[in-house]
Amino acid sequence: MPEQLQEYLKPVGPKLGKCIIRNELEVQLIKKSWRDDQFRQALLQDPKTTIQAALGTEVLDGVEVQVFQETPDQVYLVLPMSPASVGGEMSDEELASIAVSMWT
């Protein structure tokens, strides 16, 4: 697996004695935004700072974070980086493991 893709998919860091992967962090942020309107507004206005404060972690320099809020008549589909865009091909097994980790 290409190194940049491994970096993108790796667990973010320890929290409460376990590693949390990106999609788990996204779920936490979404739930918090549903419960807390001020947090949601902060997330929309300054996502990088808000995420860093909420999770107690750093977002890497050079990484831009964008947050979009869906509406009843507007839905977004986010396409993750393809393995080819980060310098390599992946085996069917590697692709399957990523697909599972992104949807479970």
Protein backbone atom coordinates (compact mmCIF):
# COMPACT_ATOMS: atom_id res chain seq x y z
CA MET A 1 0.00 0.00 0.00
CA PRO A 2 1.42 3.43 -0.88
CA GLU A 3 2.84 5.31 2.10
CA GLN A 4 0.65 8.41 1.62
CA LEU A 5 -2.48 6.26 1.57
CA GLN A 6 -1.36 4.44 4.72
CA GLU A 7 -0.92 7.84 6.39
CA TYR A 8 -4.41 8.88 5.27
CA LEU A 9 -6.03 5.72 6.61
CA LYS A 10 -4.05 5.17 9.79
CA PRO A 11 -5.65 5.54 13.21
CA VAL A 12 -5.55 9.15 14.34
CA GLY A 13 -4.39 8.49 17.87
CA PRO A 14 -5.24 7.12 21.27
CA LYS A 15 -8.42 8.21 22.96
CA LEU A 16 -9.78 6.52 26.05
CA GLY A 17 -7.36 3.64 25.65
CA LYS A 18 -8.08 2.81 22.01
CA CYS A 19 -7.22 4.07 18.58
CA ILE A 20 -9.87 5.94 16.70
CA ILE A 21 -9.92 5.90 12.92
CA ARG A 22 -11.01 8.74 10.68
CA ASN A 23 -14.60 7.66 10.07
CA GLU A 24 -15.15 7.27 13.83
CA LEU A 25 -13.91 10.82 14.33
CA GLU A 26 -16.25 12.06 11.62
CA VAL A 27 -19.20 10.37 13.36
CA GLN A 28 -18.24 12.00 16.68
CA LEU A 29 -18.05 15.43 15.04
CA ILE A 30 -21.39 14.97 13.26
CA LYS A 31 -23.15 13.86 16.46
CA LYS A 32 -21.72 16.79 18.40
CA SER A 33 -22.82 19.20 15.66
CA TRP A 34 -26.38 17.84 15.86
CA ARG A 35 -26.49 18.41 19.62
CA ASP A 36 -24.69 21.77 19.75
CA ASP A 37 -25.61 24.57 17.33
CA GLN A 38 -22.65 26.73 18.41
CA PHE A 39 -20.27 23.88 17.67
CA ARG A 40 -21.93 23.34 14.27
CA GLN A 41 -21.52 27.02 13.38
CA ALA A 42 -17.88 26.99 14.50
CA LEU A 43 -17.28 23.85 12.45
CA LEU A 44 -18.74 25.53 9.37
CA GLN A 45 -16.80 28.79 9.90
CA ASP A 46 -13.39 27.48 11.00
CA PRO A 47 -13.30 23.70 10.66
CA LYS A 48 -9.59 23.13 11.24
CA THR A 49 -9.41 25.05 14.52
CA THR A 50 -12.73 23.64 15.71
CA ILE A 51 -11.70 20.05 14.98
CA GLN A 52 -8.34 20.52 16.69
CA ALA A 53 -10.03 21.92 19.80
CA ALA A 54 -12.80 19.30 19.88
CA LEU A 55 -10.52 16.32 19.43
CA GLY A 56 -7.43 17.59 21.23
CA THR A 57 -5.31 16.75 18.22
CA GLU A 58 -3.45 18.56 15.47
CA VAL A 59 -4.48 18.67 11.85
CA LEU A 60 -1.31 18.52 9.79
CA ASP A 61 0.03 21.76 8.32
CA GLY A 62 -0.85 22.00 4.67
CA VAL A 63 -4.06 20.00 5.12
CA GLU A 64 -7.16 21.99 4.25
CA VAL A 65 -10.41 21.00 5.95
CA GLN A 66 -13.76 21.88 4.39
CA VAL A 67 -17.15 21.29 5.98
CA PHE A 68 -20.38 21.34 3.99
CA GLN A 69 -23.84 21.10 5.48
CA GLU A 70 -26.38 19.12 3.49
CA THR A 71 -29.93 20.33 3.03
CA PRO A 72 -33.09 18.43 2.07
CA ASP A 73 -32.45 19.29 -1.59
CA GLN A 74 -28.63 19.26 -1.67
CA VAL A 75 -26.49 16.19 -0.90
CA TYR A 76 -22.71 15.79 -1.14
CA LEU A 77 -20.69 12.77 -2.15
CA VAL A 78 -17.03 12.79 -1.07
CA LEU A 79 -14.68 10.70 -3.16
CA PRO A 80 -11.60 9.62 -1.20
CA MET A 81 -8.16 9.71 -2.77
CA SER A 82 -7.60 6.90 -5.21
CA PRO A 83 -4.58 4.65 -4.64
CA ALA A 84 -3.20 5.71 -8.04
CA SER A 85 -3.22 9.38 -6.97
CA VAL A 86 -0.81 8.67 -4.13
CA GLY A 87 1.70 6.70 -6.11
CA GLY A 88 0.79 3.08 -6.45
CA GLU A 89 -1.55 0.27 -7.15
CA MET A 90 -3.20 -1.80 -4.46
CA SER A 91 -4.09 -5.44 -4.33
CA ASP A 92 -7.72 -6.54 -4.27
CA GLU A 93 -7.27 -7.49 -0.60
CA GLU A 94 -5.98 -4.03 0.32
CA LEU A 95 -8.85 -2.35 -1.52
CA ALA A 96 -11.36 -4.62 0.21
CA SER A 97 -9.93 -3.85 3.65
CA ILE A 98 -10.22 -0.11 3.01
CA ALA A 99 -13.78 -0.40 1.76
CA VAL A 100 -14.73 -2.36 4.86
CA SER A 101 -13.05 0.10 7.23
CA MET A 102 -14.78 3.04 5.56
CA TRP A 103 -18.27 1.55 5.77
CA THR A 104 -18.25 -0.33 9.08
